[in-house]
Structure formats: structure tokens, C-alpha cells
């Protein structure tokens, strides 16, 4: 134990990816978070506890009776580097003020909870989850820095180990995401005034090994399907051309993600693999295609995909090679009345789904067993069953309805769970795919 404490005491807050990982490894693998939480619950009220926690989040500096963790320089420099590339990984966009929020997303959530539970006694669960949520966003920032130095695949593996530590026995027990590849999605799931960062990031992602690219593609295909289906129904008023024109940065990412999972589908067809892997690939593939199938499989690409000819060629080749089998397998994803379906779940930005889950957990001191990734699949696992996912998705929609965004001059929720619309979206996508298949 003393060696761990000494490491934290003596470690200097370097400003590289490796330096930041080294500090976080010490903090996440030992008793550091438990000591922080234990110290904070000695405050007279939850408001005071959260105020002290907020100070640590804002300064990125932490001190307990025996340990000190100073991440200030590392976070400041890595965040500045990331902003210069077009991403605000730690901060959300304020659409009303038309600017990036001054406070980080974890601090925004803390402030919201404090305003609703300020007079209560300190709650260790609330403190522990907020602390973990803060660290999850730091890992998200680091997911964009894996290309800074060294081997990016090794760096991403290291980040996955850190995520396992974060969500392991030394923390709050609250699941956030299934892997570090999903953190990259969450970290970039904001409105960005300068979209060039998405172009650069996609070039970088293509340099990763097949395993990491597939993980990134699976979560991006599924999540961006939900994102664009939301856009189709709300901001774009079911106008596909308007959606294409307004998502020039998104379409190449969806195209890349669908092409990558389609390549994996082709590989699985030729190998002896379990049905679960193939089912996950088929589901992600369909979600990515569903908002606008013809953009990816028709003869002529939309303007947003003129630079994605290689990915479109892959999609078209695999689709035409297995078109009838794919149509049959897509049927297995058809939404039903009694089973949770991601087709019924759509939202403006992925990070708002995670944020909403954490806010509800903190307001009621009741943890959800579902991670963000669980809401992107129909499949149930363990105690994350269809009832849990349906209830969570409905709860998130309730919050979104209570705090609507103004879209096309109307107040609309930014997160929706609507089985009827989900069935319509599925039917429309399959109808277009069948038509293209029969006409090929």
C-alpha cells in the first residue's frame, strides 16, 4: 500500500499521453477514489460535499490524507491540444448562448444534482459516481490522444485497461461504456463549429488494427444510426436531402463504419464463428444503413460521400454478394411490442444519453445496470434485460420532454423512445433494401 501512496505523492504531472495514463493507473487501481469519497462524506451537507468535489474537478487536483493527485497541467495541455484539432472533449456546446460551455460536462452534472439535493445529508454513492464520471471524461479525452506518441493500438489497449480499472471493484460500480473505443464516440459527440477534426480523426482511425477498427465501427454504426434517425424525424422533418446536406461530417463516418462491419460480416461468413458475433455485426450494419440506405448502396453517391468511394464500393460489393441472406438476417432485428429495440431509440447526441443515465442515477441514488452500449442492441445479457433497457430509455425520454430543445421552431425532446416510429423506421429501411436487392 505504501508504494502506491508514494507513487502518487512523488509522481509529477507530465503532459503526454503516457504521463497521464501513469497517474490515472495509480489513482484508479488503488484506494484513492475510496479515500476521496470517504473524506467528502464528512461534510455537513451534500451541497458542501459536492462543492468540495467540484473544486477538485475544476482544478484537476486532488488531495486525501495520504495521497495527492495533480492532473492540472496534463489536462490543460492535452485539452488545449485536442481543441486545436477541433474537439471539445470535456465541454458541451450551449446552443442558446451559441458557445462552448465554460464548465466541463461532469461539473455541469454536479451542479444540476447539487441544485436538486442540496439540503440532504452527504451520499457516498452520489459522490463516488460523480468522481467516476469525471474520470470517465478524462479517459475520453485521452482516447483522442492515442496517436500522439508510440503505438496507437498499444495506447488504446492501455486505455481499455484503465476503463476496466475505472469500472472495477475500486470504484462506484456504475457502468458507463463497454470499451475505450466507445469513449472516443462519447468524446466527439457534440456540436462542433469546426468539423475538420472529424475528417482528421477518421484518417487516424484507419491506421488502427482490425480489432480496434471493428470496435469503433460497431458502436459508431449503431449510435450514428440512432443519431441520424433522430435528425430525420426532428430537425430535418423527414427530408432525406436536407439531412444529407447538413451532415457532411457524419456521412463519411457512417459509411466507414458500415463498410468495416460489412467486411467483418463477409469474414464471418467464411469462418467458423459463433452466431453472437455475426448477430452483433448484422445489427450494427442495419442501424448504420437505416436512416438513408440509398446513400450507401445506390449507384450514385450523395455529395456528402463523394470522397468515400472506397467504402461505398465495399458496402455495395458485400451487399450484392449476400443480399438475400442479409435481408433474411435483417428480419431478426425487426422491432416488436414486447422487446426493447434500438430502432425505437433515437437522440441528438450520444453523450446526452450517458449524461441522462448518470443524472437519473444521482437524483434517485439508484444505479442503472445498463451501459450506454446496452442501449444500442436488442440483445439482453445478465441483469440488463429488455425491461431494464425499456425503462431506462423511457426515463431518459421523460427528462428530455421536461427539458425540450427548440427544433424548427417547436419544442422537441432530444431523446426519444417510440416503438411505433421504430417499427416504421425499420420497415422503411428494409423496404428500400429489398427494392435495391431485387433490382440489382
Protein backbone atom coordinates (compact mmCIF):
# COMPACT_ATOMS: atom_id res chain seq x y z
CA UNK A 1 0.00 0.00 0.00
CA UNK A 2 2.77 2.43 0.87
CA UNK A 3 4.43 2.01 -2.51
CA UNK A 4 1.20 3.00 -4.20
CA UNK A 5 0.86 6.06 -1.97
CA UNK A 6 4.47 7.00 -2.63
CA UNK A 7 3.89 6.76 -6.38
CA UNK A 8 1.02 9.20 -6.19
CA UNK A 9 2.91 11.53 -3.88
CA UNK A 10 6.04 11.66 -5.99
CA UNK A 11 4.59 11.48 -9.50
CA UNK A 12 4.96 14.66 -11.48
CA UNK A 13 2.06 15.62 -13.67
CA UNK A 14 3.65 15.13 -17.09
CA UNK A 15 1.76 16.28 -20.13
CA UNK A 16 2.00 13.33 -22.51
CA UNK A 17 -0.50 10.52 -23.07
CA UNK A 18 1.81 8.15 -21.23
CA UNK A 19 2.32 10.52 -18.31
CA UNK A 20 -1.42 10.99 -17.86
CA UNK A 21 -2.05 7.25 -18.08
CA UNK A 22 0.60 6.55 -15.45
CA UNK A 23 -1.04 8.93 -13.00
CA UNK A 24 -4.52 7.59 -13.69
CA UNK A 25 -3.35 4.00 -13.30
CA UNK A 26 -2.20 4.77 -9.78
CA UNK A 27 -5.42 6.60 -8.94
CA UNK A 28 -7.87 4.09 -10.42
CA UNK A 29 -6.30 0.83 -9.27
CA UNK A 30 -5.96 1.53 -5.58
CA UNK A 31 -7.85 3.11 -2.72
CA UNK A 32 -7.52 6.69 -3.92
CA UNK A 33 -11.14 7.16 -5.03
CA UNK A 34 -12.44 5.49 -1.90
CA UNK A 35 -10.37 7.85 0.23
CA UNK A 36 -11.67 10.88 -1.68
CA UNK A 37 -15.28 9.76 -1.22
CA UNK A 38 -14.79 8.90 2.44
CA UNK A 39 -13.29 12.32 3.09
CA UNK A 40 -16.09 14.17 1.29
CA UNK A 41 -18.94 12.49 3.17
CA UNK A 42 -17.66 14.03 6.41
CA UNK A 43 -19.11 17.36 5.23
CA UNK A 44 -22.21 18.74 6.95
CA UNK A 45 -24.42 18.51 3.86
CA UNK A 46 -24.45 17.07 0.36
CA UNK A 47 -24.14 20.60 -1.01
CA UNK A 48 -20.86 21.09 0.87
CA UNK A 49 -19.59 17.68 -0.20
CA UNK A 50 -20.38 18.45 -3.82
CA UNK A 51 -18.81 21.90 -3.56
CA UNK A 52 -15.56 20.33 -2.42
CA UNK A 53 -15.82 17.69 -5.14
CA UNK A 54 -16.42 20.45 -7.67
CA UNK A 55 -13.20 22.20 -6.61
CA UNK A 56 -11.26 19.04 -7.39
CA UNK A 57 -12.93 18.65 -10.78
CA UNK A 58 -12.30 22.26 -11.77
CA UNK A 59 -8.64 22.27 -10.73
CA UNK A 60 -8.00 18.63 -11.67
CA UNK A 61 -6.16 18.40 -8.38
CA UNK A 62 -6.96 16.00 -5.55
CA UNK A 63 -5.68 15.51 -2.04
CA UNK A 64 -6.59 13.00 0.63
CA UNK A 65 -4.99 12.37 3.99
CA UNK A 66 -2.26 10.25 2.45
CA UNK A 67 -2.36 10.84 -1.32
CA UNK A 68 -2.13 13.67 -3.81
CA UNK A 69 -3.05 13.60 -7.48
CA UNK A 70 -2.31 16.65 -9.63
CA UNK A 71 -3.63 16.33 -13.16
CA UNK A 72 -3.94 20.06 -13.79
CA UNK A 73 -1.10 20.54 -16.25
CA UNK A 74 -1.78 17.29 -18.09
CA UNK A 75 -5.48 18.00 -18.57
CA UNK A 76 -4.89 21.63 -19.55
CA UNK A 77 -2.29 20.82 -22.20
CA UNK A 78 -3.99 17.71 -23.59
CA UNK A 79 -7.33 19.53 -23.74
CA UNK A 80 -5.70 22.50 -25.49
CA UNK A 81 -4.09 20.14 -28.00
CA UNK A 82 -7.45 18.47 -28.62
CA UNK A 83 -9.28 21.78 -29.01
CA UNK A 84 -6.71 22.87 -31.60
CA UNK A 85 -7.75 19.81 -33.62
CA UNK A 86 -11.43 20.75 -33.46
CA UNK A 87 -12.79 18.81 -30.48
CA UNK A 88 -14.06 19.92 -27.08
CA UNK A 89 -13.96 16.51 -25.42
CA UNK A 90 -14.69 17.75 -21.90
CA UNK A 91 -17.18 20.54 -22.64
CA UNK A 92 -20.60 20.67 -24.25
CA UNK A 93 -21.96 23.25 -26.67
CA UNK A 94 -24.52 25.74 -25.38
CA UNK A 95 -26.93 26.16 -28.27
CA UNK A 96 -28.76 29.07 -26.66
CA UNK A 97 -25.60 31.07 -25.96
CA UNK A 98 -24.00 29.80 -29.19
CA UNK A 99 -20.73 28.96 -27.48
CA UNK A 100 -18.88 26.19 -25.68
CA UNK A 101 -19.83 25.87 -22.02
CA UNK A 102 -17.27 27.23 -19.58
CA UNK A 103 -17.60 24.30 -17.17
CA UNK A 104 -16.93 20.68 -18.07
CA UNK A 105 -19.75 18.20 -18.57
CA UNK A 106 -19.11 16.42 -15.23
CA UNK A 107 -19.21 19.79 -13.44
CA UNK A 108 -22.46 20.68 -15.22
CA UNK A 109 -23.98 17.42 -13.98
CA UNK A 110 -22.67 18.01 -10.46
CA UNK A 111 -24.20 21.50 -10.40
CA UNK A 112 -27.55 20.13 -11.54
CA UNK A 113 -27.60 17.47 -8.84
CA UNK A 114 -26.49 19.96 -6.19
CA UNK A 115 -29.37 22.28 -7.07
CA UNK A 116 -31.87 19.44 -6.56
CA UNK A 117 -30.42 17.70 -3.50
CA UNK A 118 -28.52 20.45 -1.70
CA UNK A 119 -30.18 20.11 1.72
CA UNK A 120 -29.69 16.36 2.05
CA UNK A 121 -27.04 14.54 4.01
CA UNK A 122 -23.87 13.52 2.14
CA UNK A 123 -24.46 10.48 -0.06
CA UNK A 124 -21.39 8.36 -0.74
CA UNK A 125 -22.96 6.75 -3.83
CA UNK A 126 -23.57 10.16 -5.40
CA UNK A 127 -20.03 11.30 -4.66
CA UNK A 128 -18.45 8.07 -5.92
CA UNK A 129 -20.41 8.06 -9.18
CA UNK A 130 -19.67 11.72 -9.90
CA UNK A 131 -15.98 11.09 -9.28
CA UNK A 132 -16.04 8.13 -11.66
CA UNK A 133 -17.96 10.17 -14.24
CA UNK A 134 -15.23 12.81 -14.05
CA UNK A 135 -12.53 10.19 -14.63
CA UNK A 136 -14.54 8.66 -17.49
CA UNK A 137 -14.37 12.01 -19.29
CA UNK A 138 -10.63 12.22 -18.73
CA UNK A 139 -10.31 8.80 -20.35
CA UNK A 140 -12.45 10.11 -23.19
CA UNK A 141 -10.02 12.99 -23.66
CA UNK A 142 -7.15 10.50 -23.72
CA UNK A 143 -8.92 8.43 -26.39
CA UNK A 144 -8.25 11.31 -28.78
CA UNK A 145 -4.56 11.44 -27.83
CA UNK A 146 -3.57 7.82 -28.54
CA UNK A 147 -1.85 8.94 -31.76
CA UNK A 148 0.41 11.49 -30.03
CA UNK A 149 3.37 9.17 -29.46
CA UNK A 150 4.14 5.48 -29.50
CA UNK A 151 1.93 2.77 -30.97
CA UNK A 152 -1.73 3.92 -31.06
CA UNK A 153 -3.01 0.35 -30.82
CA UNK A 154 -0.96 -0.26 -27.68
CA UNK A 155 -2.15 3.07 -26.31
CA UNK A 156 -5.77 2.13 -26.93
CA UNK A 157 -5.22 -1.21 -25.20
CA UNK A 158 -3.78 0.68 -22.24
CA UNK A 159 -6.85 2.90 -22.21
CA UNK A 160 -9.11 -0.16 -22.20
CA UNK A 161 -7.26 -1.42 -19.12
CA UNK A 162 -7.79 1.95 -17.46
CA UNK A 163 -11.51 1.81 -18.26
CA UNK A 164 -11.68 -1.65 -16.70
CA UNK A 165 -10.00 -0.21 -13.59
CA UNK A 166 -12.45 2.71 -13.53
CA UNK A 167 -15.45 0.38 -13.66
CA UNK A 168 -13.83 -2.24 -11.44
CA UNK A 169 -14.11 -3.05 -7.73
CA UNK A 170 -12.32 0.09 -6.51
CA UNK A 171 -14.98 2.42 -7.89
CA UNK A 172 -18.68 3.19 -7.65
CA UNK A 173 -19.83 0.17 -9.64
CA UNK A 174 -21.69 2.35 -12.14
CA UNK A 175 -21.20 1.14 -15.74
CA UNK A 176 -20.57 3.85 -18.32
CA UNK A 177 -19.42 2.25 -21.58
CA UNK A 178 -18.23 -1.18 -22.66
CA UNK A 179 -14.86 -0.21 -24.09
CA UNK A 180 -12.47 2.67 -24.74
CA UNK A 181 -13.48 2.72 -28.39
CA UNK A 182 -16.89 3.92 -27.22
CA UNK A 183 -15.21 6.68 -25.20
CA UNK A 184 -13.93 8.07 -28.49
CA UNK A 185 -17.54 8.31 -29.68
CA UNK A 186 -18.72 9.97 -26.47
CA UNK A 187 -15.81 12.45 -26.51
CA UNK A 188 -16.71 13.64 -30.02
CA UNK A 189 -20.49 13.55 -29.60
CA UNK A 190 -21.10 17.31 -29.56
CA UNK A 191 -21.86 20.05 -31.96
CA UNK A 192 -18.51 21.39 -33.19
CA UNK A 193 -18.34 24.68 -35.08
CA UNK A 194 -15.27 23.42 -36.98
CA UNK A 195 -15.90 19.96 -38.44
CA UNK A 196 -12.42 19.41 -39.89
CA UNK A 197 -11.50 17.45 -36.78
CA UNK A 198 -13.83 14.64 -37.81
CA UNK A 199 -12.02 14.29 -41.13
CA UNK A 200 -8.61 14.10 -39.45
CA UNK A 201 -9.86 11.69 -36.81
CA UNK A 202 -11.28 9.31 -39.41
CA UNK A 203 -7.92 9.22 -41.19
CA UNK A 204 -6.28 8.36 -37.86
CA UNK A 205 -8.79 5.65 -37.00
CA UNK A 206 -7.99 3.91 -40.29
CA UNK A 207 -4.40 3.40 -39.06
CA UNK A 208 -5.54 1.17 -36.17
CA UNK A 209 -5.54 -2.60 -36.31
CA UNK A 210 -8.61 -4.55 -37.43
CA UNK A 211 -9.74 -5.38 -33.88
CA UNK A 212 -9.84 -1.75 -32.78
CA UNK A 213 -11.34 -0.51 -36.03
CA UNK A 214 -14.14 -3.06 -35.75
CA UNK A 215 -14.98 -1.98 -32.21
CA UNK A 216 -15.07 1.65 -33.29
CA UNK A 217 -17.18 0.78 -36.32
CA UNK A 218 -19.71 -1.30 -34.37
CA UNK A 219 -20.52 1.44 -31.88
CA UNK A 220 -20.42 4.24 -34.46
CA UNK A 221 -22.71 2.43 -36.91
CA UNK A 222 -25.26 1.71 -34.20
CA UNK A 223 -25.10 5.08 -32.45
CA UNK A 224 -24.97 7.23 -35.56
CA UNK A 225 -27.95 5.31 -36.88
CA UNK A 226 -29.86 6.46 -33.78
CA UNK A 227 -28.47 9.98 -34.23
CA UNK A 228 -29.45 10.30 -37.89
CA UNK A 229 -32.87 8.72 -37.35
CA UNK A 230 -33.45 11.46 -34.77
CA UNK A 231 -32.37 14.04 -37.32
CA UNK A 232 -34.66 12.58 -39.97
CA UNK A 233 -37.67 12.73 -37.66
CA UNK A 234 -36.99 16.06 -35.92
CA UNK A 235 -34.57 18.69 -37.33
CA UNK A 236 -34.97 17.65 -40.98
CA UNK A 237 -38.71 16.98 -40.99
CA UNK A 238 -38.26 13.61 -42.77
CA UNK A 239 -36.36 15.32 -45.61
CA UNK A 240 -33.51 12.99 -46.63
CA UNK A 241 -31.80 15.53 -48.88
CA UNK A 242 -31.74 18.11 -46.11
CA UNK A 243 -30.29 15.51 -43.73
CA UNK A 244 -27.52 14.67 -46.20
CA UNK A 245 -26.61 18.31 -46.77
CA UNK A 246 -26.47 19.08 -43.05
CA UNK A 247 -24.38 16.05 -42.06
CA UNK A 248 -21.36 16.30 -44.33
CA UNK A 249 -19.11 15.31 -41.41
CA UNK A 250 -21.31 12.40 -40.26
CA UNK A 251 -21.95 10.59 -43.53
CA UNK A 252 -18.30 9.58 -44.20
CA UNK A 253 -18.12 8.21 -40.65
CA UNK A 254 -21.29 6.18 -41.10
CA UNK A 255 -20.03 4.96 -44.47
CA UNK A 256 -16.71 3.91 -42.95
CA UNK A 257 -18.43 2.19 -40.02
CA UNK A 258 -20.88 0.27 -42.22
CA UNK A 259 -18.12 -0.75 -44.65
CA UNK A 260 -15.99 -2.02 -41.77
CA UNK A 261 -18.77 -4.11 -40.24
CA UNK A 262 -19.71 -5.41 -43.69
CA UNK A 263 -16.14 -6.58 -44.22
CA UNK A 264 -16.40 -8.35 -40.89
CA UNK A 265 -19.69 -9.93 -41.96
CA UNK A 266 -18.01 -11.28 -45.08
CA UNK A 267 -15.14 -12.63 -42.98
CA UNK A 268 -17.53 -14.31 -40.55
CA UNK A 269 -19.38 -15.93 -43.43
CA UNK A 270 -16.16 -17.66 -44.39
CA UNK A 271 -15.11 -18.69 -40.88
CA UNK A 272 -16.38 -20.92 -38.12
CA UNK A 273 -17.56 -18.29 -35.63
CA UNK A 274 -20.34 -18.07 -33.11
CA UNK A 275 -23.73 -16.64 -34.04
CA UNK A 276 -23.48 -13.90 -31.38
CA UNK A 277 -20.63 -12.16 -33.21
CA UNK A 278 -22.47 -12.30 -36.51
CA UNK A 279 -25.71 -11.09 -34.93
CA UNK A 280 -23.93 -8.05 -33.46
CA UNK A 281 -22.39 -7.24 -36.84
CA UNK A 282 -25.71 -7.59 -38.67
CA UNK A 283 -27.49 -5.41 -36.14
CA UNK A 284 -24.86 -2.63 -36.31
CA UNK A 285 -24.81 -2.83 -40.09
CA UNK A 286 -28.56 -2.35 -40.36
CA UNK A 287 -28.60 0.51 -37.86
CA UNK A 288 -25.93 2.34 -39.83
CA UNK A 289 -27.78 1.86 -43.11
CA UNK A 290 -31.27 2.52 -41.78
CA UNK A 291 -31.52 6.34 -41.83
CA UNK A 292 -30.62 6.55 -45.53
CA UNK A 293 -29.97 3.16 -47.20
CA UNK A 294 -29.77 4.50 -50.75
CA UNK A 295 -26.93 6.87 -49.85
CA UNK A 296 -24.70 3.84 -49.36
CA UNK A 297 -25.94 1.20 -51.81
CA UNK A 298 -27.24 3.17 -54.81
CA UNK A 299 -25.21 3.77 -57.96
CA UNK A 300 -24.63 7.47 -57.38
CA UNK A 301 -23.30 8.82 -54.07
CA UNK A 302 -24.68 11.97 -52.46
CA UNK A 303 -22.31 14.93 -52.31
CA UNK A 304 -21.51 14.13 -48.67
CA UNK A 305 -19.97 10.81 -49.77
CA UNK A 306 -18.03 11.79 -52.89
CA UNK A 307 -14.76 11.19 -51.02
CA UNK A 308 -15.90 7.81 -49.66
CA UNK A 309 -15.89 5.81 -52.89
CA UNK A 310 -13.75 3.00 -51.48
CA UNK A 311 -16.04 2.48 -48.51
CA UNK A 312 -19.15 2.68 -50.69
CA UNK A 313 -17.64 0.12 -53.05
CA UNK A 314 -17.10 -2.25 -50.12
CA UNK A 315 -20.68 -1.79 -48.94
CA UNK A 316 -22.12 -2.37 -52.39
CA UNK A 317 -19.90 -5.38 -53.05
CA UNK A 318 -20.82 -7.17 -49.81
CA UNK A 319 -24.49 -6.22 -50.10
CA UNK A 320 -24.79 -7.59 -53.62
CA UNK A 321 -22.81 -10.72 -52.76
CA UNK A 322 -25.06 -11.65 -49.83
CA UNK A 323 -28.15 -9.54 -50.47
CA UNK A 324 -30.83 -12.18 -49.90
CA UNK A 325 -29.09 -13.63 -46.84
CA UNK A 326 -28.66 -10.13 -45.44
CA UNK A 327 -32.33 -9.30 -45.95
CA UNK A 328 -33.25 -12.52 -44.13
CA UNK A 329 -30.84 -11.76 -41.26
CA UNK A 330 -32.04 -8.17 -41.02
CA UNK A 331 -35.51 -9.58 -40.30
CA UNK A 332 -34.12 -10.82 -36.98
CA UNK A 333 -33.75 -7.17 -35.93
CA UNK A 334 -37.42 -6.34 -36.53
CA UNK A 335 -38.83 -4.40 -33.54
CA UNK A 336 -41.68 -5.97 -31.61
CA UNK A 337 -44.10 -4.79 -28.95
CA UNK A 338 -42.51 -6.61 -26.02
CA UNK A 339 -38.76 -6.42 -26.70
CA UNK A 340 -36.52 -3.37 -26.41
CA UNK A 341 -35.29 -2.23 -29.81
CA UNK A 342 -32.65 0.41 -30.60
CA UNK A 343 -34.72 1.20 -33.70
CA UNK A 344 -37.21 2.83 -31.33
CA UNK A 345 -34.44 4.80 -29.62
CA UNK A 346 -33.07 7.94 -31.20
CA UNK A 347 -31.31 11.03 -29.92
CA UNK A 348 -29.39 14.14 -30.87
CA UNK A 349 -26.02 13.22 -29.30
CA UNK A 350 -24.72 10.06 -27.68
CA UNK A 351 -23.15 11.88 -24.74
CA UNK A 352 -26.61 13.12 -23.72
CA UNK A 353 -27.77 9.53 -23.32
CA UNK A 354 -24.91 8.77 -20.95
CA UNK A 355 -25.40 12.08 -19.16
CA UNK A 356 -29.10 11.45 -18.68
CA UNK A 357 -28.45 7.99 -17.26
CA UNK A 358 -25.99 9.40 -14.74
CA UNK A 359 -28.28 12.30 -13.79
CA UNK A 360 -31.17 9.94 -13.03
CA UNK A 361 -28.87 7.69 -11.01
CA UNK A 362 -27.63 10.64 -8.98
CA UNK A 363 -31.04 12.18 -8.36
CA UNK A 364 -32.52 8.96 -7.01
CA UNK A 365 -29.40 7.17 -5.69
CA UNK A 366 -30.41 4.19 -7.79
CA UNK A 367 -27.89 2.72 -10.19
CA UNK A 368 -28.82 1.51 -13.63
CA UNK A 369 -27.05 -1.76 -14.56
CA UNK A 370 -27.08 -0.82 -18.26
CA UNK A 371 -24.13 0.80 -20.00
CA UNK A 372 -24.51 3.15 -22.96
CA UNK A 373 -23.68 0.25 -25.30
CA UNK A 374 -26.52 -1.85 -23.88
CA UNK A 375 -28.99 0.64 -25.35
CA UNK A 376 -27.60 0.08 -28.85
CA UNK A 377 -28.58 -3.58 -29.07
CA UNK A 378 -31.72 -5.64 -28.82
CA UNK A 379 -29.79 -8.42 -27.11
CA UNK A 380 -30.13 -8.83 -23.35
CA UNK A 381 -27.34 -10.02 -21.10
CA UNK A 382 -27.33 -10.83 -17.39
CA UNK A 383 -29.43 -8.41 -15.39
CA UNK A 384 -29.59 -5.96 -18.30
CA UNK A 385 -32.82 -7.31 -19.78
CA UNK A 386 -35.39 -5.80 -22.10
CA UNK A 387 -37.44 -4.43 -19.19
CA UNK A 388 -34.44 -2.57 -17.76
CA UNK A 389 -33.48 -1.08 -21.11
CA UNK A 390 -37.03 -0.07 -21.99
CA UNK A 391 -37.48 1.56 -18.59
CA UNK A 392 -34.18 3.43 -18.90
CA UNK A 393 -34.92 4.64 -22.43
CA UNK A 394 -38.39 5.79 -21.36
CA UNK A 395 -36.94 7.54 -18.31
CA UNK A 396 -34.44 9.39 -20.49
CA UNK A 397 -37.25 10.48 -22.81
CA UNK A 398 -39.21 11.78 -19.80
CA UNK A 399 -36.28 14.02 -18.82
CA UNK A 400 -35.88 15.15 -22.42
CA UNK A 401 -39.55 16.06 -22.63
CA UNK A 402 -39.27 18.08 -19.43
CA UNK A 403 -36.29 19.96 -20.90
CA UNK A 404 -37.03 20.18 -24.65
CA UNK A 405 -34.90 21.78 -27.34
CA UNK A 406 -36.31 24.23 -29.86
CA UNK A 407 -36.17 22.48 -33.24
CA UNK A 408 -37.70 24.02 -36.37
CA UNK A 409 -39.47 26.50 -34.12
CA UNK A 410 -41.06 23.79 -31.99
CA UNK A 411 -40.17 22.36 -28.59
CA UNK A 412 -38.98 18.77 -29.00
CA UNK A 413 -37.25 16.22 -26.75
CA UNK A 414 -33.66 15.40 -27.72
CA UNK A 415 -34.01 11.75 -26.66
CA UNK A 416 -36.98 9.65 -27.78
CA UNK A 417 -38.11 6.07 -27.25
CA UNK A 418 -41.04 5.44 -29.58
CA UNK A 419 -41.79 1.83 -30.61
CA UNK A 420 -44.25 2.87 -33.31
CA UNK A 421 -41.74 5.17 -35.01
CA UNK A 422 -39.11 2.46 -34.57
CA UNK A 423 -41.23 -0.07 -36.42
CA UNK A 424 -41.84 2.45 -39.19
CA UNK A 425 -38.11 3.22 -39.49
CA UNK A 426 -37.28 -0.48 -39.70
CA UNK A 427 -39.98 -1.14 -42.29
CA UNK A 428 -38.84 1.80 -44.42
CA UNK A 429 -35.19 0.73 -44.32
CA UNK A 430 -35.98 -2.88 -45.17
CA UNK A 431 -38.32 -1.84 -47.96
CA UNK A 432 -35.58 0.23 -49.60
CA UNK A 433 -33.04 -2.55 -49.17
CA UNK A 434 -35.42 -5.14 -50.63
CA UNK A 435 -36.15 -2.89 -53.60
CA UNK A 436 -32.47 -2.35 -54.27
CA UNK A 437 -31.79 -6.05 -53.81
CA UNK A 438 -34.46 -7.16 -56.27
CA UNK A 439 -33.41 -4.53 -58.78
CA UNK A 440 -29.69 -5.34 -58.59
